[in-house]
PDB file of N, CA and C in Angstrom:
ATOM      1  N   MET A   1     113.831 109.405  98.878  1.00  0.00           N
ATOM      2  CA  MET A   1     114.517 110.180  98.060  1.00  0.00           C
ATOM      3  C   MET A   1     113.689 110.648  96.873  1.00  0.00           C
ATOM      4  N   ALA A   2     113.925 111.911  96.525  1.00  0.00           N
ATOM      5  CA  ALA A   2     112.864 112.295  95.305  1.00  0.00           C
ATOM      6  C   ALA A   2     113.513 111.993  94.120  1.00  0.00           C
ATOM      7  N   LYS A   3     112.914 111.518  93.018  1.00  0.00           N
ATOM      8  CA  LYS A   3     113.467 111.548  91.767  1.00  0.00           C
ATOM      9  C   LYS A   3     112.672 112.841  90.929  1.00  0.00           C
ATOM     10  N   ASN A   4     113.627 112.935  89.751  1.00  0.00           N
ATOM     11  CA  ASN A   4     113.345 113.856  88.816  1.00  0.00           C
ATOM     12  C   ASN A   4     111.937 113.286  88.325  1.00  0.00           C
ATOM     13  N   ALA A   5     110.958 113.685  88.088  1.00  0.00           N
ATOM     14  CA  ALA A   5     109.591 112.813  87.932  1.00  0.00           C
ATOM     15  C   ALA A   5     108.740 113.905  86.385  1.00  0.00           C
ATOM     16  N   LYS A   6     109.430 114.526  86.007  1.00  0.00           N
ATOM     17  CA  LYS A   6     108.566 115.176  84.771  1.00  0.00           C
ATOM     18  C   LYS A   6     108.066 114.531  83.981  1.00  0.00           C
ATOM     19  N   GLN A   7     106.644 114.172  84.012  1.00  0.00           N
ATOM     20  CA  GLN A   7     105.983 113.179  83.149  1.00  0.00           C
ATOM     21  C   GLN A   7     104.556 113.847  82.759  1.00  0.00           C
ATOM     22  N   PHE A   8     104.338 113.835  81.257  1.00  0.00           N
ATOM     23  CA  PHE A   8     102.868 114.334  81.137  1.00  0.00           C
ATOM     24  C   PHE A   8     102.576 113.382  80.265  1.00  0.00           C
ATOM     25  N   GLU A   9     101.137 113.205  80.232  1.00  0.00           N
ATOM     26  CA  GLU A   9     100.361 112.452  79.598  1.00  0.00           C
ATOM     27  C   GLU A   9      99.175 112.838  79.179  1.00  0.00           C
ATOM     28  N   GLU A  10      98.842 112.967  77.832  1.00  0.00           N
ATOM     29  CA  GLU A  10      97.101 113.271  77.202  1.00  0.00           C
ATOM     30  C   GLU A  10      96.364 112.037  77.527  1.00  0.00           C
ATOM     31  N   ARG A  11      95.263 112.428  77.965  1.00  0.00           N
ATOM     32  CA  ARG A  11      94.296 111.277  77.991  1.00  0.00           C
ATOM     33  C   ARG A  11      93.038 111.711  77.304  1.00  0.00           C
ATOM     34  N   PRO A  12      92.278 110.670  77.221  1.00  0.00           N
ATOM     35  CA  PRO A  12      90.687 111.418  76.475  1.00  0.00           C
ATOM     36  C   PRO A  12      90.016 112.213  77.120  1.00  0.00           C
ATOM     37  N   TRP A  13      90.224 112.293  78.252  1.00  0.00           N
ATOM     38  CA  TRP A  13      89.402 113.167  79.223  1.00  0.00           C
ATOM     39  C   TRP A  13      90.258 114.585  79.456  1.00  0.00           C
ATOM     40  N   GLY A  14      91.550 114.600  79.460  1.00  0.00           N
ATOM     41  CA  GLY A  14      92.329 115.649  79.759  1.00  0.00           C
ATOM     42  C   GLY A  14      93.860 115.210  79.659  1.00  0.00           C
ATOM     43  N   SER A  15      94.602 115.773  80.594  1.00  0.00           N
ATOM     44  CA  SER A  15      95.804 115.415  81.086  1.00  0.00           C
ATOM     45  C   SER A  15      96.282 115.163  82.333  1.00  0.00           C
ATOM     46  N   PHE A  16      97.515 114.347  82.422  1.00  0.00           N
ATOM     47  CA  PHE A  16      98.062 114.603  84.041  1.00  0.00           C
ATOM     48  C   PHE A  16      99.405 114.811  83.677  1.00  0.00           C
ATOM     49  N   GLU A  17     100.230 115.521  84.590  1.00  0.00           N
ATOM     50  CA  GLU A  17     101.452 115.711  84.809  1.00  0.00           C
ATOM     51  C   GLU A  17     102.215 115.221  86.254  1.00  0.00           C
ATOM     52  N   VAL A  18     103.081 114.613  85.997  1.00  0.00           N
ATOM     53  CA  VAL A  18     103.883 113.950  87.211  1.00  0.00           C
ATOM     54  C   VAL A  18     104.680 115.137  87.874  1.00  0.00           C
ATOM     55  N   ILE A  19     104.329 115.484  89.025  1.00  0.00           N
ATOM     56  CA  ILE A  19     105.147 116.596  89.379  1.00  0.00           C
ATOM     57  C   ILE A  19     106.582 115.967  90.306  1.00  0.00           C
ATOM     58  N   ALA A  20     106.154 115.000  91.257  1.00  0.00           N
ATOM     59  CA  ALA A  20     107.354 114.454  91.822  1.00  0.00           C
ATOM     60  C   ALA A  20     106.898 113.011  92.386  1.00  0.00           C
ATOM     61  N   GLU A  21     108.204 112.318  92.658  1.00  0.00           N
ATOM     62  CA  GLU A  21     107.976 110.947  93.191  1.00  0.00           C
ATOM     63  C   GLU A  21     108.831 110.922  94.203  1.00  0.00           C
ATOM     64  N   PHE A  22     108.339 110.123  95.159  1.00  0.00           N
ATOM     65  CA  PHE A  22     109.473 110.168  96.394  1.00  0.00           C
ATOM     66  C   PHE A  22     109.455 108.609  96.849  1.00  0.00           C
ATOM     67  N   GLU A  23     110.327 107.998  97.236  1.00  0.00           N
ATOM     68  CA  GLU A  23     110.354 106.769  98.073  1.00  0.00           C
ATOM     69  C   GLU A  23     110.329 107.091  99.593  1.00  0.00           C
ATOM     70  N   VAL A  24     109.344 106.405 100.206  1.00  0.00           N
ATOM     71  CA  VAL A  24     108.820 106.625 101.716  1.00  0.00           C
ATOM     72  C   VAL A  24     108.831 105.366 102.127  1.00  0.00           C
ATOM     73  N   GLU A  25     109.051 105.389 103.593  1.00  0.00           N
ATOM     74  CA  GLU A  25     108.943 104.412 104.416  1.00  0.00           C
ATOM     75  C   GLU A  25     107.686 104.826 105.580  1.00  0.00           C
ATOM     76  N   ASN A  26     106.603 103.973 105.285  1.00  0.00           N
ATOM     77  CA  ASN A  26     105.354 104.071 105.946  1.00  0.00           C
ATOM     78  C   ASN A  26     104.363 102.728 105.949  1.00  0.00           C
ATOM     79  N   ASP A  27     103.419 102.609 106.792  1.00  0.00           N
ATOM     80  CA  ASP A  27     102.659 101.474 106.470  1.00  0.00           C
ATOM     81  C   ASP A  27     101.817 101.614 105.327  1.00  0.00           C
ATOM     82  N   LEU A  28     101.504 102.631 104.402  1.00  0.00           N
ATOM     83  CA  LEU A  28     100.765 102.716 103.071  1.00  0.00           C
ATOM     84  C   LEU A  28     101.358 102.198 101.843  1.00  0.00           C
ATOM     85  N   GLY A  29     102.805 101.943 101.949  1.00  0.00           N
ATOM     86  CA  GLY A  29     103.517 101.487 100.748  1.00  0.00           C
ATOM     87  C   GLY A  29     104.815 102.329 100.373  1.00  0.00           C
ATOM     88  N   PRO A  30     105.741 101.861  99.342  1.00  0.00           N
ATOM     89  CA  PRO A  30     106.904 102.668  99.359  1.00  0.00           C
ATOM     90  C   PRO A  30     107.103 103.628  98.591  1.00  0.00           C
ATOM     91  N   HIS A  31     106.140 104.124  97.986  1.00  0.00           N
ATOM     92  CA  HIS A  31     106.173 105.237  96.962  1.00  0.00           C
ATOM     93  C   HIS A  31     104.888 106.401  97.260  1.00  0.00           C
ATOM     94  N   ALA A  32     105.471 107.426  96.964  1.00  0.00           N
ATOM     95  CA  ALA A  32     104.591 108.541  96.988  1.00  0.00           C
ATOM     96  C   ALA A  32     104.562 109.500  95.815  1.00  0.00           C
ATOM     97  N   VAL A  33     103.308 109.815  95.124  1.00  0.00           N
ATOM     98  CA  VAL A  33     103.392 110.286  93.801  1.00  0.00           C
ATOM     99  C   VAL A  33     102.734 111.684  93.767  1.00  0.00           C
ATOM    100  N   VAL A  34     103.080 112.693  93.126  1.00  0.00           N
ATOM    101  CA  VAL A  34     102.067 113.935  93.180  1.00  0.00           C
ATOM    102  C   VAL A  34     101.910 114.489  91.645  1.00  0.00           C
ATOM    103  N   LYS A  35     100.713 114.400  91.290  1.00  0.00           N
ATOM    104  CA  LYS A  35     100.366 114.909  89.968  1.00  0.00           C
ATOM    105  C   LYS A  35      99.221 115.955  90.265  1.00  0.00           C
ATOM    106  N   LYS A  36      99.465 116.901  88.795  1.00  0.00           N
ATOM    107  CA  LYS A  36      98.687 117.534  88.918  1.00  0.00           C
ATOM    108  C   LYS A  36      97.616 117.068  87.522  1.00  0.00           C
ATOM    109  N   ILE A  37      96.483 117.119  87.751  1.00  0.00           N
ATOM    110  CA  ILE A  37      95.332 116.380  86.840  1.00  0.00           C
ATOM    111  C   ILE A  37      94.525 117.469  86.303  1.00  0.00           C
ATOM    112  N   THR A  38      94.199 117.402  84.870  1.00  0.00           N
ATOM    113  CA  THR A  38      93.258 118.586  84.511  1.00  0.00           C
ATOM    114  C   THR A  38      92.001 117.476  83.884  1.00  0.00           C
ATOM    115  N   VAL A  39      91.151 117.815  84.021  1.00  0.00           N
ATOM    116  CA  VAL A  39      89.864 117.316  83.373  1.00  0.00           C
ATOM    117  C   VAL A  39      89.220 118.334  82.578  1.00  0.00           C
ATOM    118  N   ASN A  40      88.966 118.059  81.252  1.00  0.00           N
ATOM    119  CA  ASN A  40      88.328 119.217  80.298  1.00  0.00           C
ATOM    120  C   ASN A  40      87.297 118.947  80.765  1.00  0.00           C
ATOM    121  N   PRO A  41      86.471 120.413  80.226  1.00  0.00           N
ATOM    122  CA  PRO A  41      84.737 120.753  80.388  1.00  0.00           C
ATOM    123  C   PRO A  41      84.097 119.544  79.783  1.00  0.00           C
ATOM    124  N   LYS A  42      83.259 119.194  80.688  1.00  0.00           N
ATOM    125  CA  LYS A  42      82.107 118.165  80.416  1.00  0.00           C
ATOM    126  C   LYS A  42      82.701 116.751  80.187  1.00  0.00           C
ATOM    127  N   GLN A  43      83.961 116.459  80.573  1.00  0.00           N
ATOM    128  CA  GLN A  43      84.755 115.009  80.586  1.00  0.00           C
ATOM    129  C   GLN A  43      84.572 114.431  81.973  1.00  0.00           C
ATOM    130  N   ARG A  44      84.999 113.154  81.998  1.00  0.00           N
ATOM    131  CA  ARG A  44      85.101 112.594  83.198  1.00  0.00           C
ATOM    132  C   ARG A  44      86.181 111.455  83.035  1.00  0.00           C
ATOM    133  N   LEU A  45      86.748 110.896  84.089  1.00  0.00           N
ATOM    134  CA  LEU A  45      87.472 109.665  84.183  1.00  0.00           C
ATOM    135  C   LEU A  45      86.544 108.315  84.174  1.00  0.00           C
ATOM    136  N   SER A  46      87.231 107.359  84.016  1.00  0.00           N
ATOM    137  CA  SER A  46      86.750 106.215  84.066  1.00  0.00           C
ATOM    138  C   SER A  46      86.422 106.170  85.558  1.00  0.00           C
ATOM    139  N   TYR A  47      85.225 104.897  85.526  1.00  0.00           N
ATOM    140  CA  TYR A  47      84.923 104.595  87.135  1.00  0.00           C
ATOM    141  C   TYR A  47      85.956 103.602  87.379  1.00  0.00           C
ATOM    142  N   GLN A  48      86.758 103.494  88.428  1.00  0.00           N
ATOM    143  CA  GLN A  48      87.770 102.738  88.285  1.00  0.00           C
ATOM    144  C   GLN A  48      88.146 102.330  89.849  1.00  0.00           C
ATOM    145  N   SER A  49      89.253 101.127  90.255  1.00  0.00           N
ATOM    146  CA  SER A  49      89.885 101.420  91.561  1.00  0.00           C
ATOM    147  C   SER A  49      91.463 100.971  91.160  1.00  0.00           C
ATOM    148  N   HIS A  50      91.884 100.854  92.300  1.00  0.00           N
ATOM    149  CA  HIS A  50      93.584 100.421  92.348  1.00  0.00           C
ATOM    150  C   HIS A  50      93.789  99.554  93.490  1.00  0.00           C
ATOM    151  N   LYS A  51      94.325  98.544  93.111  1.00  0.00           N
ATOM    152  CA  LYS A  51      94.819  97.459  94.180  1.00  0.00           C
ATOM    153  C   LYS A  51      95.983  97.798  94.849  1.00  0.00           C
ATOM    154  N   GLY A  52      96.589  98.656  94.383  1.00  0.00           N
ATOM    155  CA  GLY A  52      98.060  98.839  95.201  1.00  0.00           C
ATOM    156  C   GLY A  52      98.072 100.237  95.786  1.00  0.00           C
ATOM    157  N   ARG A  53      97.225 101.373  95.421  1.00  0.00           N
ATOM    158  CA  ARG A  53      97.510 102.497  96.023  1.00  0.00           C
ATOM    159  C   ARG A  53      95.930 103.370  96.609  1.00  0.00           C
ATOM    160  N   ARG A  54      96.467 104.326  97.682  1.00  0.00           N
ATOM    161  CA  ARG A  54      95.314 105.235  98.051  1.00  0.00           C
ATOM    162  C   ARG A  54      95.671 106.489  97.279  1.00  0.00           C
ATOM    163  N   GLU A  55      94.671 107.427  97.586  1.00  0.00           N
ATOM    164  CA  GLU A  55      94.734 108.706  96.749  1.00  0.00           C
ATOM    165  C   GLU A  55      94.234 109.487  97.707  1.00  0.00           C
ATOM    166  N   PHE A  56      94.609 110.751  97.447  1.00  0.00           N
ATOM    167  CA  PHE A  56      94.329 112.068  98.265  1.00  0.00           C
ATOM    168  C   PHE A  56      94.354 113.116  97.039  1.00  0.00           C
ATOM    169  N   TRP A  57      93.144 113.720  97.283  1.00  0.00           N
ATOM    170  CA  TRP A  57      92.792 115.228  95.916  1.00  0.00           C
ATOM    171  C   TRP A  57      92.778 116.235  96.553  1.00  0.00           C
ATOM    172  N   LEU A  58      93.385 117.295  96.115  1.00  0.00           N
ATOM    173  CA  LEU A  58      92.766 118.478  96.505  1.00  0.00           C
ATOM    174  C   LEU A  58      92.291 119.602  94.996  1.00  0.00           C
ATOM    175  N   ILE A  59      90.962 119.650  95.271  1.00  0.00           N
ATOM    176  CA  ILE A  59      90.507 120.508  93.790  1.00  0.00           C
ATOM    177  C   ILE A  59      91.113 122.025  93.909  1.00  0.00           C
ATOM    178  N   VAL A  60      91.496 122.325  92.925  1.00  0.00           N
ATOM    179  CA  VAL A  60      92.287 123.555  92.844  1.00  0.00           C
ATOM    180  C   VAL A  60      91.564 124.740  91.877  1.00  0.00           C
ATOM    181  N   GLN A  61      90.975 124.116  91.033  1.00  0.00           N
ATOM    182  CA  GLN A  61      90.054 125.247  90.166  1.00  0.00           C
ATOM    183  C   GLN A  61      88.707 124.219  89.690  1.00  0.00           C
ATOM    184  N   GLY A  62      87.743 124.966  89.405  1.00  0.00           N
ATOM    185  CA  GLY A  62      86.727 124.386  88.737  1.00  0.00           C
ATOM    186  C   GLY A  62      85.653 123.848  89.711  1.00  0.00           C
ATOM    187  N   LYS A  63      84.613 122.995  89.087  1.00  0.00           N
ATOM    188  CA  LYS A  63      83.775 122.405  89.995  1.00  0.00           C
ATOM    189  C   LYS A  63      83.310 121.054  89.174  1.00  0.00           C
ATOM    190  N   GLY A  64      82.666 120.314  89.983  1.00  0.00           N
ATOM    191  CA  GLY A  64      82.678 118.828  89.720  1.00  0.00           C
ATOM    192  C   GLY A  64      81.811 117.852  90.426  1.00  0.00           C
ATOM    193  N   GLN A  65      81.976 116.666  90.268  1.00  0.00           N
ATOM    194  CA  GLN A  65      81.384 115.685  91.149  1.00  0.00           C
ATOM    195  C   GLN A  65      82.534 114.616  91.205  1.00  0.00           C
ATOM    196  N   VAL A  66      82.600 113.915  92.548  1.00  0.00           N
ATOM    197  CA  VAL A  66      83.399 112.733  92.549  1.00  0.00           C
ATOM    198  C   VAL A  66      82.482 111.677  92.736  1.00  0.00           C
ATOM    199  N   VAL A  67      82.578 110.563  92.315  1.00  0.00           N
ATOM    200  CA  VAL A  67      81.569 109.281  92.481  1.00  0.00           C
ATOM    201  C   VAL A  67      82.449 108.402  93.447  1.00  0.00           C
ATOM    202  N   LEU A  68      82.310 108.302  94.580  1.00  0.00           N
ATOM    203  CA  LEU A  68      83.313 107.299  95.589  1.00  0.00           C
ATOM    204  C   LEU A  68      82.333 106.428  96.132  1.00  0.00           C
ATOM    205  N   GLY A  69      82.766 104.839  95.895  1.00  0.00           N
ATOM    206  CA  GLY A  69      82.009 103.947  96.318  1.00  0.00           C
ATOM    207  C   GLY A  69      80.386 103.988  96.261  1.00  0.00           C
ATOM    208  N   GLY A  70      80.192 104.516  94.726  1.00  0.00           N
ATOM    209  CA  GLY A  70      78.689 104.737  94.716  1.00  0.00           C
ATOM    210  C   GLY A  70      78.078 105.868  95.018  1.00  0.00           C
ATOM    211  N   LYS A  71      78.629 106.790  95.823  1.00  0.00           N
ATOM    212  CA  LYS A  71      77.984 108.251  96.333  1.00  0.00           C
ATOM    213  C   LYS A  71      78.803 109.105  95.369  1.00  0.00           C
ATOM    214  N   GLU A  72      77.675 110.058  95.349  1.00  0.00           N
ATOM    215  CA  GLU A  72      78.299 111.267  94.427  1.00  0.00           C
ATOM    216  C   GLU A  72      78.542 112.380  95.509  1.00  0.00           C
ATOM    217  N   ILE A  73      79.527 113.310  95.332  1.00  0.00           N
ATOM    218  CA  ILE A  73      80.073 114.359  95.873  1.00  0.00           C
ATOM    219  C   ILE A  73      80.402 115.485  95.413  1.00  0.00           C
ATOM    220  N   ALA A  74      79.481 116.670  95.583  1.00  0.00           N
ATOM    221  CA  ALA A  74      79.954 117.689  94.761  1.00  0.00           C
ATOM    222  C   ALA A  74      81.313 118.523  95.214  1.00  0.00           C
ATOM    223  N   VAL A  75      82.111 118.718  94.156  1.00  0.00           N
ATOM    224  CA  VAL A  75      83.430 119.131  94.688  1.00  0.00           C
ATOM    225  C   VAL A  75      83.627 120.546  94.177  1.00  0.00           C
ATOM    226  N   SER A  76      84.461 121.554  94.537  1.00  0.00           N
ATOM    227  CA  SER A  76      84.962 122.718  94.027  1.00  0.00           C
ATOM    228  C   SER A  76      86.283 123.211  94.507  1.00  0.00           C
ATOM    229  N   ALA A  77      86.851 124.502  94.275  1.00  0.00           N
ATOM    230  CA  ALA A  77      88.065 124.662  94.552  1.00  0.00           C
ATOM    231  C   ALA A  77      88.254 124.727  96.197  1.00  0.00           C
ATOM    232  N   GLY A  78      88.926 123.934  96.743  1.00  0.00           N
ATOM    233  CA  GLY A  78      89.342 123.586  97.999  1.00  0.00           C
ATOM    234  C   GLY A  78      88.804 122.274  99.010  1.00  0.00           C
ATOM    235  N   SER A  79      88.058 121.729  97.833  1.00  0.00           N
ATOM    236  CA  SER A  79      87.460 120.425  98.326  1.00  0.00           C
ATOM    237  C   SER A  79      88.652 119.483  98.370  1.00  0.00           C
ATOM    238  N   ARG A  80      88.596 118.785  99.256  1.00  0.00           N
ATOM    239  CA  ARG A  80      89.492 117.300  99.440  1.00  0.00           C
ATOM    240  C   ARG A  80      89.002 116.197  99.860  1.00  0.00           C
ATOM    241  N   VAL A  81      89.558 115.239  98.986  1.00  0.00           N
ATOM    242  CA  VAL A  81      88.858 113.880  98.796  1.00  0.00           C
ATOM    243  C   VAL A  81      89.929 112.950  99.102  1.00  0.00           C
ATOM    244  N   GLU A  82      89.604 111.841 100.037  1.00  0.00           N
ATOM    245  CA  GLU A  82      90.366 110.642 100.272  1.00  0.00           C
ATOM    246  C   GLU A  82      89.702 109.571  99.442  1.00  0.00           C
ATOM    247  N   VAL A  83      90.594 108.965  98.820  1.00  0.00           N
ATOM    248  CA  VAL A  83      90.385 107.639  97.862  1.00  0.00           C
ATOM    249  C   VAL A  83      90.710 106.291  98.722  1.00  0.00           C
ATOM    250  N   PRO A  84      90.108 105.384  99.449  1.00  0.00           N
ATOM    251  CA  PRO A  84      90.865 104.396  99.843  1.00  0.00           C
ATOM    252  C   PRO A  84      91.557 103.397  98.869  1.00  0.00           C
ATOM    253  N   GLN A  85      92.279 102.865  99.060  1.00  0.00           N
ATOM    254  CA  GLN A  85      92.868 101.575  98.377  1.00  0.00           C
ATOM    255  C   GLN A  85      91.678 100.703  98.139  1.00  0.00           C
ATOM    256  N   GLY A  86      91.854 100.223  96.658  1.00  0.00           N
ATOM    257  CA  GLY A  86      90.451  99.552  96.166  1.00  0.00           C
ATOM    258  C   GLY A  86      89.206 100.142  96.146  1.00  0.00           C
ATOM    259  N   ALA A  87      89.027 101.521  96.504  1.00  0.00           N
ATOM    260  CA  ALA A  87      87.487 101.921  96.057  1.00  0.00           C
ATOM    261  C   ALA A  87      87.437 102.360  95.076  1.00  0.00           C
ATOM    262  N   LYS A  88      86.108 102.035  94.575  1.00  0.00           N
ATOM    263  CA  LYS A  88      85.708 102.529  93.151  1.00  0.00           C
ATOM    264  C   LYS A  88      85.372 104.131  93.087  1.00  0.00           C
ATOM    265  N   HIS A  89      85.902 104.669  92.106  1.00  0.00           N
ATOM    266  CA  HIS A  89      85.912 106.094  92.122  1.00  0.00           C
ATOM    267  C   HIS A  89      85.990 106.741  90.793  1.00  0.00           C
ATOM    268  N   ARG A  90      85.353 108.232  90.491  1.00  0.00           N
ATOM    269  CA  ARG A  90      85.598 108.760  89.404  1.00  0.00           C
ATOM    270  C   ARG A  90      85.508 110.052  89.544  1.00  0.00           C
ATOM    271  N   VAL A  91      86.085 111.009  88.630  1.00  0.00           N
ATOM    272  CA  VAL A  91      85.852 112.372  88.718  1.00  0.00           C
ATOM    273  C   VAL A  91      85.212 112.930  87.414  1.00  0.00           C
ATOM    274  N   VAL A  92      84.431 113.793  87.814  1.00  0.00           N
ATOM    275  CA  VAL A  92      83.508 114.432  86.693  1.00  0.00           C
ATOM    276  C   VAL A  92      83.406 115.708  86.649  1.00  0.00           C
ATOM    277  N   ASN A  93      83.858 116.427  85.616  1.00  0.00           N
ATOM    278  CA  ASN A  93      83.856 117.753  85.357  1.00  0.00           C
ATOM    279  C   ASN A  93      82.578 118.204  84.991  1.00  0.00           C
ATOM    280  N   THR A  94      81.668 119.018  85.701  1.00  0.00           N
ATOM    281  CA  THR A  94      80.197 119.271  85.340  1.00  0.00           C
ATOM    282  C   THR A  94      80.161 120.689  84.536  1.00  0.00           C
ATOM    283  N   ASP A  95      81.443 121.346  84.542  1.00  0.00           N
ATOM    284  CA  ASP A  95      81.167 122.686  83.987  1.00  0.00           C
ATOM    285  C   ASP A  95      81.724 122.973  82.242  1.00  0.00           C
ATOM    286  N   ALA A  96      80.757 123.385  81.523  1.00  0.00           N
ATOM    287  CA  ALA A  96      80.909 123.354  80.316  1.00  0.00           C
ATOM    288  C   ALA A  96      82.229 124.144  79.679  1.00  0.00           C
ATOM    289  N   ASN A  97      82.512 125.171  80.451  1.00  0.00           N
ATOM    290  CA  ASN A  97      83.360 126.056  79.988  1.00  0.00           C
ATOM    291  C   ASN A  97      84.714 126.002  80.892  1.00  0.00           C
ATOM    292  N   GLN A  98      85.190 125.554  81.737  1.00  0.00           N
ATOM    293  CA  GLN A  98      86.467 125.829  82.609  1.00  0.00           C
ATOM    294  C   GLN A  98      86.782 124.295  82.852  1.00  0.00           C
ATOM    295  N   ALA A  99      88.123 123.896  82.781  1.00  0.00           N
ATOM    296  CA  ALA A  99      88.776 122.981  83.136  1.00  0.00           C
ATOM    297  C   ALA A  99      88.864 122.519  84.649  1.00  0.00           C
ATOM    298  N   LEU A 100      88.645 121.411  85.206  1.00  0.00           N
ATOM    299  CA  LEU A 100      88.516 120.889  86.485  1.00  0.00           C
ATOM    300  C   LEU A 100      90.105 120.501  86.702  1.00  0.00           C
ATOM    301  N   LEU A 101      90.759 121.304  87.850  1.00  0.00           N
ATOM    302  CA  LEU A 101      92.076 121.248  88.154  1.00  0.00           C
ATOM    303  C   LEU A 101      92.407 120.171  89.708  1.00  0.00           C
ATOM    304  N   PHE A 102      92.996 119.493  89.754  1.00  0.00           N
ATOM    305  CA  PHE A 102      93.134 119.015  91.117  1.00  0.00           C
ATOM    306  C   PHE A 102      94.620 118.524  91.212  1.00  0.00           C
ATOM    307  N   VAL A 103      94.728 118.450  92.484  1.00  0.00           N
ATOM    308  CA  VAL A 103      96.259 117.739  92.759  1.00  0.00           C
ATOM    309  C   VAL A 103      95.962 116.214  93.413  1.00  0.00           C
ATOM    310  N   GLU A 104      96.802 115.482  92.932  1.00  0.00           N
ATOM    311  CA  GLU A 104      96.521 113.966  93.656  1.00  0.00           C
ATOM    312  C   GLU A 104      97.997 113.776  94.317  1.00  0.00           C
ATOM    313  N   VAL A 105      97.643 113.246  95.287  1.00  0.00           N
ATOM    314  CA  VAL A 105      98.748 112.371  95.996  1.00  0.00           C
ATOM    315  C   VAL A 105      98.729 111.137  96.091  1.00  0.00           C
ATOM    316  N   SER A 106      99.404 110.226  95.541  1.00  0.00           N
ATOM    317  CA  SER A 106      99.081 108.679  95.727  1.00  0.00           C
ATOM    318  C   SER A 106     100.348 107.980  96.711  1.00  0.00           C
ATOM    319  N   LEU A 107      99.889 107.135  97.405  1.00  0.00           N
ATOM    320  CA  LEU A 107     100.477 106.407  98.226  1.00  0.00           C
ATOM    321  C   LEU A 107     100.331 104.884  98.400  1.00  0.00           C
ATOM    322  N   GLY A 108     101.508 104.182  97.829  1.00  0.00           N
ATOM    323  CA  GLY A 108     101.187 102.690  97.869  1.00  0.00           C
ATOM    324  C   GLY A 108     102.558 102.226  97.080  1.00  0.00           C
ATOM    325  N   SER A 109     101.827 101.044  96.326  1.00  0.00           N
ATOM    326  CA  SER A 109     102.946 100.146  95.255  1.00  0.00           C
ATOM    327  C   SER A 109     102.343 100.922  94.033  1.00  0.00           C
ATOM    328  N   PHE A 110     102.938 101.946  93.647  1.00  0.00           N
ATOM    329  CA  PHE A 110     102.760 102.680  92.558  1.00  0.00           C
ATOM    330  C   PHE A 110     102.752 102.100  91.204  1.00  0.00           C
ATOM    331  N   ASP A 111     102.143 102.024  90.243  1.00  0.00           N
ATOM    332  CA  ASP A 111     102.480 101.447  88.939  1.00  0.00           C
ATOM    333  C   ASP A 111     101.034 102.014  87.890  1.00  0.00           C
ATOM    334  N   GLU A 112     101.539 103.021  87.027  1.00  0.00           N
ATOM    335  CA  GLU A 112     100.306 103.341  86.287  1.00  0.00           C
ATOM    336  C   GLU A 112      99.034 102.622  85.639  1.00  0.00           C
ATOM    337  N   ASN A 113      99.719 101.283  85.557  1.00  0.00           N
ATOM    338  CA  ASN A 113      98.987 100.181  84.897  1.00  0.00           C
ATOM    339  C   ASN A 113      97.947  99.660  85.967  1.00  0.00           C
ATOM    340  N   ASP A 114      98.033 100.009  87.395  1.00  0.00           N
ATOM    341  CA  ASP A 114      97.303  99.490  88.570  1.00  0.00           C
ATOM    342  C   ASP A 114      95.829 100.320  88.023  1.00  0.00           C
ATOM    343  N   ILE A 115      94.778 100.021  87.196  1.00  0.00           N
ATOM    344  CA  ILE A 115      93.702 100.531  86.906  1.00  0.00           C
ATOM    345  C   ILE A 115      92.901  99.513  86.554  1.00  0.00           C
ATOM    346  N   LEU A 116      91.974  99.229  87.325  1.00  0.00           N
ATOM    347  CA  LEU A 116      90.699  98.330  87.058  1.00  0.00           C
ATOM    348  C   LEU A 116      89.439  99.274  86.637  1.00  0.00           C
ATOM    349  N   ARG A 117      89.260  99.559  85.439  1.00  0.00           N
ATOM    350  CA  ARG A 117      88.080 100.028  85.021  1.00  0.00           C
ATOM    351  C   ARG A 117      86.688  99.453  84.784  1.00  0.00           C
ATOM    352  N   TYR A 118      86.020  99.998  85.623  1.00  0.00           N
ATOM    353  CA  TYR A 118      84.447  99.383  85.374  1.00  0.00           C
ATOM    354  C   TYR A 118      83.480 100.109  84.250  1.00  0.00           C
ATOM    355  N   ASP A 119      83.511 101.285  83.986  1.00  0.00           N
ATOM    356  CA  ASP A 119      83.137 102.066  83.023  1.00  0.00           C
ATOM    357  C   ASP A 119      83.784 103.209  82.935  1.00  0.00           C
ATOM    358  N   ASP A 120      83.614 103.222  81.222  1.00  0.00           N
ATOM    359  CA  ASP A 120      84.621 104.216  80.645  1.00  0.00           C
ATOM    360  C   ASP A 120      84.001 104.696  79.539  1.00  0.00           C
ATOM    361  N   ASP A 121      84.057 105.942  79.422  1.00  0.00           N
ATOM    362  CA  ASP A 121      83.344 106.627  78.263  1.00  0.00           C
ATOM    363  C   ASP A 121      84.148 106.474  77.012  1.00  0.00           C
ATOM    364  N   TYR A 122      85.492 105.928  77.104  1.00  0.00           N
ATOM    365  CA  TYR A 122      86.163 105.880  75.676  1.00  0.00           C
ATOM    366  C   TYR A 122      86.377 104.000  75.605  1.00  0.00           C
ATOM    367  N   GLY A 123      85.616 103.482  75.967  1.00  0.00           N
ATOM    368  CA  GLY A 123      85.949 101.882  76.020  1.00  0.00           C
ATOM    369  C   GLY A 123      87.094 101.249  76.372  1.00  0.00           C
ATOM    370  N   ARG A 124      87.587 101.810  77.608  1.00  0.00           N
ATOM    371  CA  ARG A 124      88.758 100.971  78.073  1.00  0.00           C
ATOM    372  C   ARG A 124      88.594 100.174  79.270  1.00  0.00           C
ATOM    373  N   THR A 125      87.360  99.666  79.591  1.00  0.00           N
ATOM    374  CA  THR A 125      87.077  98.686  80.534  1.00  0.00           C
ATOM    375  C   THR A 125      87.921  97.475  80.626  1.00  0.00           C
ATOM    376  N   ASN A 126      88.300  96.625  81.731  1.00  0.00           N
ATOM    377  CA  ASN A 126      89.072  95.766  81.853  1.00  0.00           C
ATOM    378  C   ASN A 126      88.726  95.023  83.075  1.00  0.00           C
ATOM    379  N   ALA A 127      87.580  95.760  84.132  1.00  0.00           N
ATOM    380  CA  ALA A 127      87.518  94.671  85.028  1.00  0.00           C
ATOM    381  C   ALA A 127      86.288  93.887  85.060  1.00  0.00           C
TER     382      ALA A 127
END
């Protein structure tokens, strides 16, 4: 069943908005969450992992780089990325003028605090 899930949060690197939340029945976990994520020009998310969820990303605007398990992958509008549960990852906006926008679908035991940060430009490491 879908929940009314409008939630918007500013972060040092940009923002995210929860578009929808669903309870689901599958082998990946009981929740699905859909977000619109905006990464400001020349900003990047922390290098992080999640114990309880996998993520699927679709880049819809801009260009940048994804670091996934130590590999660097160039991304632009139309790029798709799967982040396995427990994998270290980060998104980098390499453009100086345009925001990088992507849609994220998370599956699993969703908790916004399920973030292990290994490297962070804003001093928020906890791993």
